[in-house]
Amino acid sequence: MSSHPSSEQLLDLFNWASPAMLVTDADGRVVLANKAASELLSHHASPGAQLADALGIDDYAALLAAGEPVENLDAGFANADFPSGYANVGFGEVEGSTYGFWALRPVTTHPTPSPGAGRGNSTAQAWIRQVDRADAAYTPVGEDAVKFIQAYYDTCPVAIHLIEEDGTVAHANWKDIAIVGADEQPDTYVGHHIRHIYADQEVVEDFLGRWGEDAPIIDFRADFLNKGERVPVVIFSTAKVEDNKLKNTRCFVFPDSHPDRKRDKVKALDLNF
């Protein structure tokens, strides 16, 4: 199996992901930021902005010196509707220089899908509307960014997998493989159906219908399985659909910052977002 998705897939993954994805240099200045980052952080996602300061993370130098992946750091955001959430960051090299690779997720009032998804500007549905809305000021990254996105895929401590139309896991990064306990034999997971790693089958069966219809799954608490043990996670997932056909999903899975919270429930498929 390929170690990375294709360049086309990586560019689509970065530009249109539902979490904020950013790359910073060794000094913590933004080098790359996706559309979700521009929505969440406004001008703090601009090239050269000091990201850790903007997030309210005051020990960035210590994190950089340690060089270890860090999950679920409390973070503040510039977005008035989504002012708080969590940051995951890992550190690695691209062409001999050190970079930080960040995944940010906002806290929402109601996940999607869920029974009674709620109204207002701070729901998961409201977040994905912000991510998807047109913005002439955002310029999608191009081929020169692929080397950074490959390093992001290999370094950032957020589980990433791409699922094909038939439910097969086409690609999974190191964190995704680890979270389902397939480190020693990745091919027991990659290349197989996604339903095998969900603890609750009604959840994944609902998700399979949503991915095929380009319906988002945002800030949703579920359980994966790792060698039979439940692993609480938070899912941010959208789909790339062309000509009414699923090309692949863009699934980001975060270790749950509040693993004791009740798992979210699905509702009947409703595409009227």
Protein backbone atom coordinates (compact mmCIF):
# COMPACT_ATOMS: atom_id res chain seq x y z
CA MET A 1 0.00 0.00 0.00
CA SER A 2 1.14 3.58 -0.67
CA SER A 3 2.58 5.45 2.32
CA HIS A 4 0.67 8.60 1.35
CA PRO A 5 -2.54 9.42 -0.49
CA SER A 6 -2.00 10.91 -3.95
CA SER A 7 -1.00 14.55 -4.30
CA GLU A 8 -4.53 15.33 -5.52
CA GLN A 9 -6.03 13.67 -2.46
CA LEU A 10 -3.63 15.43 -0.09
CA LEU A 11 -4.41 18.84 -1.55
CA ASP A 12 -8.14 18.18 -1.32
CA LEU A 13 -7.71 16.88 2.23
CA PHE A 14 -5.86 19.99 3.36
CA ASN A 15 -7.84 22.66 1.56
CA TRP A 16 -11.32 21.41 2.44
CA ALA A 17 -10.90 19.59 5.75
CA SER A 18 -13.43 20.29 8.50
CA PRO A 19 -10.82 20.85 11.26
CA ALA A 20 -8.31 23.69 11.00
CA MET A 21 -4.95 22.50 9.65
CA LEU A 22 -1.85 24.68 9.91
CA VAL A 23 1.91 24.40 9.45
CA THR A 24 4.23 26.71 11.39
CA ASP A 25 7.98 27.25 11.21
CA ALA A 26 10.32 26.64 14.14
CA ASP A 27 9.52 30.11 15.50
CA GLY A 28 5.81 29.30 15.52
CA ARG A 29 4.91 31.50 12.54
CA VAL A 30 2.22 30.32 10.14
CA VAL A 31 3.50 28.91 6.86
CA LEU A 32 0.33 27.19 5.59
CA ALA A 33 -3.29 27.32 6.73
CA ASN A 34 -6.42 25.75 5.27
CA LYS A 35 -9.90 27.22 4.76
CA ALA A 36 -11.14 26.00 8.14
CA ALA A 37 -8.18 27.71 9.81
CA SER A 38 -9.02 31.00 8.12
CA GLU A 39 -12.60 30.72 9.42
CA LEU A 40 -11.53 29.79 12.94
CA LEU A 41 -8.63 32.19 13.37
CA SER A 42 -9.23 35.07 10.94
CA HIS A 43 -5.99 37.02 10.38
CA HIS A 44 -4.17 34.82 12.92
CA ALA A 45 -4.06 32.18 10.17
CA SER A 46 -2.22 34.53 7.82
CA PRO A 47 1.38 33.74 6.82
CA GLY A 48 3.80 34.98 9.46
CA ALA A 49 1.25 35.14 12.29
CA GLN A 50 2.37 33.76 15.66
CA LEU A 51 0.00 30.84 16.10
CA ALA A 52 0.67 29.74 19.69
CA ASP A 53 0.15 33.30 20.96
CA ALA A 54 -3.14 33.53 19.09
CA LEU A 55 -4.31 30.25 20.61
CA GLY A 56 -3.34 31.27 24.14
CA ILE A 57 -0.68 28.55 24.38
CA ASP A 58 2.12 30.07 26.43
CA ASP A 59 4.57 27.14 26.58
CA TYR A 60 5.25 26.74 22.87
CA ALA A 61 9.04 26.92 23.34
CA ALA A 62 8.91 24.01 25.78
CA LEU A 63 6.69 22.01 23.43
CA LEU A 64 9.11 22.63 20.58
CA ALA A 65 12.12 21.68 22.70
CA ALA A 66 10.46 18.44 23.78
CA GLY A 67 9.56 17.65 20.18
CA GLU A 68 6.83 15.19 21.18
CA PRO A 69 3.27 15.09 19.81
CA VAL A 70 0.76 16.83 22.09
CA GLU A 71 -3.00 16.30 22.10
CA ASN A 72 -5.99 18.26 23.33
CA LEU A 73 -4.33 21.49 24.39
CA ASP A 74 -6.93 24.03 25.50
CA ALA A 75 -7.09 26.73 22.81
CA GLY A 76 -8.92 29.98 22.18
CA PHE A 77 -10.03 31.07 18.72
CA ALA A 78 -10.86 34.40 17.09
CA ASN A 79 -14.22 33.14 15.77
CA ALA A 80 -17.04 34.69 17.83
CA ASP A 81 -19.31 31.67 17.30
CA PHE A 82 -16.59 29.13 18.10
CA PRO A 83 -14.28 30.83 20.61
CA SER A 84 -12.79 27.71 22.21
CA GLY A 85 -11.64 24.22 21.46
CA TYR A 86 -8.53 22.07 21.32
CA ALA A 87 -5.19 21.95 19.54
CA ASN A 88 -3.07 18.94 18.59
CA VAL A 89 0.49 19.54 17.44
CA GLY A 90 3.44 17.47 16.29
CA PHE A 91 6.91 18.48 15.17
CA GLY A 92 8.95 17.24 12.25
CA GLU A 93 11.27 18.21 9.43
CA VAL A 94 10.80 19.19 5.81
CA GLU A 95 13.99 19.50 3.81
CA GLY A 96 16.09 19.83 6.97
CA SER A 97 14.02 22.52 8.69
CA THR A 98 11.75 22.02 11.70
CA TYR A 99 8.03 22.72 11.46
CA GLY A 100 4.98 22.40 13.67
CA PHE A 101 1.93 20.58 12.32
CA TRP A 102 -1.34 21.64 13.95
CA ALA A 103 -4.91 20.32 13.99
CA LEU A 104 -7.51 22.53 15.69
CA ARG A 105 -11.10 21.57 16.47
CA PRO A 106 -13.78 23.92 17.76
CA VAL A 107 -16.25 22.99 20.48
CA THR A 108 -19.83 23.03 19.18
CA THR A 109 -23.13 23.02 21.06
CA HIS A 110 -24.67 20.15 19.07
CA PRO A 111 -22.84 17.57 16.94
CA THR A 112 -24.00 16.42 13.56
CA PRO A 113 -25.57 13.99 13.05
CA SER A 114 -27.55 13.73 16.28
CA PRO A 115 -31.11 13.66 17.48
CA GLY A 116 -32.30 17.24 17.82
CA ALA A 117 -29.28 18.88 16.22
CA GLY A 118 -30.13 22.25 17.74
CA ARG A 119 -30.33 25.75 16.38
CA GLY A 120 -28.02 28.71 16.54
CA ASN A 121 -24.65 29.86 15.31
CA SER A 122 -22.50 27.50 17.40
CA THR A 123 -23.74 24.09 16.30
CA ALA A 124 -21.74 21.61 14.25
CA GLN A 125 -24.00 22.39 11.30
CA ALA A 126 -23.16 26.08 11.65
CA TRP A 127 -19.44 25.26 11.72
CA ILE A 128 -19.49 23.27 8.50
CA ARG A 129 -21.49 26.03 6.82
CA GLN A 130 -18.70 28.44 7.70
CA VAL A 131 -16.06 26.05 6.36
CA ASP A 132 -17.98 25.52 3.11
CA ARG A 133 -18.98 29.11 2.40
CA ALA A 134 -17.23 30.90 -0.43
CA ASP A 135 -14.36 33.21 0.46
CA ALA A 136 -12.52 35.03 -2.29
CA ALA A 137 -9.73 35.83 0.16
CA TYR A 138 -8.82 32.16 0.60
CA THR A 139 -6.44 30.74 -1.99
CA PRO A 140 -6.25 26.93 -1.96
CA VAL A 141 -2.73 25.59 -1.60
CA GLY A 142 -1.12 23.99 -4.64
CA GLU A 143 1.53 21.45 -5.61
CA ASP A 144 4.32 23.28 -3.77
CA ALA A 145 2.51 22.50 -0.52
CA VAL A 146 2.40 18.72 -1.03
CA LYS A 147 5.70 18.09 0.79
CA PHE A 148 4.32 19.91 3.84
CA ILE A 149 1.02 18.02 3.74
CA GLN A 150 2.88 14.71 3.48
CA ALA A 151 4.87 15.70 6.59
CA TYR A 152 1.62 16.76 8.27
CA TYR A 153 0.10 13.35 7.51
CA ASP A 154 3.18 11.67 8.99
CA THR A 155 3.59 13.92 12.03
CA CYS A 156 0.44 15.64 13.31
CA PRO A 157 -1.17 13.64 16.16
CA VAL A 158 -4.63 13.43 14.61
CA ALA A 159 -5.92 10.21 13.07
CA ILE A 160 -6.61 10.62 9.33
CA HIS A 161 -8.19 8.08 7.02
CA LEU A 162 -9.69 8.19 3.55
CA ILE A 163 -12.58 5.84 2.84
CA GLU A 164 -13.67 4.75 -0.64
CA GLU A 165 -17.21 4.39 -1.97
CA ASP A 166 -17.54 0.76 -0.86
CA GLY A 167 -16.48 1.57 2.72
CA THR A 168 -12.88 0.37 2.32
CA VAL A 169 -10.13 2.21 4.19
CA ALA A 170 -7.93 3.34 1.31
CA HIS A 171 -5.37 5.27 3.35
CA ALA A 172 -4.68 5.72 7.05
CA ASN A 173 -1.91 7.68 8.73
CA TRP A 174 0.26 6.54 11.64
CA LYS A 175 -2.06 7.93 14.31
CA ASP A 176 -5.12 6.29 12.78
CA ILE A 177 -3.35 2.95 12.57
CA ALA A 178 -2.26 3.30 16.20
CA ILE A 179 -5.68 4.27 17.52
CA VAL A 180 -7.21 1.03 16.21
CA GLY A 181 -4.28 -1.10 17.40
CA ALA A 182 -2.95 -2.07 13.97
CA ASP A 183 0.64 -0.83 14.41
CA GLU A 184 2.18 -4.25 13.93
CA GLN A 185 0.01 -5.21 10.96
CA PRO A 186 -1.43 -2.12 9.24
CA ASP A 187 -2.75 -4.25 6.39
CA THR A 188 -5.24 -5.87 8.78
CA TYR A 189 -6.94 -2.45 8.84
CA VAL A 190 -6.01 -0.57 5.66
CA GLY A 191 -7.72 -2.21 2.71
CA HIS A 192 -10.61 -3.49 4.83
CA HIS A 193 -14.09 -2.17 5.57
CA ILE A 194 -14.34 0.69 8.05
CA ARG A 195 -17.21 -0.91 9.99
CA HIS A 196 -14.81 -3.29 11.73
CA ILE A 197 -13.28 -0.57 13.90
CA TYR A 198 -16.53 0.99 15.19
CA ALA A 199 -17.84 -0.27 18.51
CA ASP A 200 -21.47 0.61 17.68
CA GLN A 201 -22.62 -0.64 14.30
CA GLU A 202 -25.69 1.61 14.05
CA VAL A 203 -23.30 4.57 14.08
CA VAL A 204 -21.09 3.40 11.23
CA GLU A 205 -24.05 2.24 9.14
CA ASP A 206 -25.53 5.72 9.44
CA PHE A 207 -22.16 7.26 8.57
CA LEU A 208 -21.85 5.13 5.42
CA GLY A 209 -25.05 6.66 4.08
CA ARG A 210 -23.92 10.18 4.94
CA TRP A 211 -20.56 9.87 3.23
CA GLY A 212 -22.28 8.75 0.05
CA GLU A 213 -24.55 11.80 0.13
CA ASP A 214 -21.80 14.33 1.04
CA ALA A 215 -23.36 14.93 4.48
CA PRO A 216 -20.92 16.01 7.21
CA ILE A 217 -20.11 14.37 10.54
CA ILE A 218 -18.81 17.07 12.85
CA ASP A 219 -17.76 17.06 16.53
CA PHE A 220 -19.35 13.63 16.97
CA ARG A 221 -18.35 11.47 19.94
CA ALA A 222 -18.09 7.76 19.13
CA ASP A 223 -16.04 4.73 20.14
CA PHE A 224 -13.46 2.95 18.01
CA LEU A 225 -12.26 -0.54 18.84
CA ASN A 226 -8.64 -1.33 19.69
CA LYS A 227 -8.21 -5.07 20.19
CA GLY A 228 -11.72 -5.29 21.58
CA GLU A 229 -11.42 -2.28 23.89
CA ARG A 230 -13.46 0.88 23.34
CA VAL A 231 -11.48 4.02 22.48
CA PRO A 232 -13.44 7.29 22.89
CA VAL A 233 -12.92 9.59 19.91
CA VAL A 234 -14.28 12.80 18.38
CA ILE A 235 -14.92 12.67 14.62
CA PHE A 236 -14.72 15.49 12.05
CA SER A 237 -15.53 14.06 8.62
CA THR A 238 -16.62 15.28 5.21
CA ALA A 239 -16.65 13.70 1.77
CA LYS A 240 -15.36 14.51 -1.68
CA VAL A 241 -18.21 13.79 -4.08
CA GLU A 242 -17.99 14.17 -7.85
CA ASP A 243 -20.87 13.49 -10.26
CA ASN A 244 -22.96 12.17 -7.37
CA LYS A 245 -20.29 9.58 -6.59
CA LEU A 246 -18.14 9.39 -3.48
CA LYS A 247 -14.46 9.72 -4.35
CA ASN A 248 -13.21 9.46 -0.78
CA THR A 249 -13.89 10.78 2.67
CA ARG A 250 -11.79 13.26 4.62
CA CYS A 251 -11.95 11.75 8.11
CA PHE A 252 -10.15 13.27 11.10
CA VAL A 253 -10.38 11.47 14.43
CA PHE A 254 -9.24 13.07 17.68
CA PRO A 255 -8.71 11.27 21.00
CA ASP A 256 -11.60 12.52 23.11
CA SER A 257 -10.64 15.30 25.53
CA HIS A 258 -13.57 14.16 27.70
CA PRO A 259 -13.62 10.36 27.33
CA ASP A 260 -16.19 9.89 30.10
CA ARG A 261 -18.85 11.94 28.31
CA LYS A 262 -21.85 10.15 26.89
CA ARG A 263 -21.40 8.96 23.32
CA ASP A 264 -23.45 10.78 20.70
CA LYS A 265 -26.40 9.14 19.00
CA VAL A 266 -27.33 9.19 15.33
CA LYS A 267 -30.72 10.08 13.90
CA ALA A 268 -32.49 9.10 10.70
CA LEU A 269 -30.53 10.39 7.73
CA ASP A 270 -31.45 14.02 7.17
CA LEU A 271 -29.63 15.90 4.45
CA ASN A 272 -31.38 19.22 4.98
CA PHE A 273 -28.43 20.96 6.57
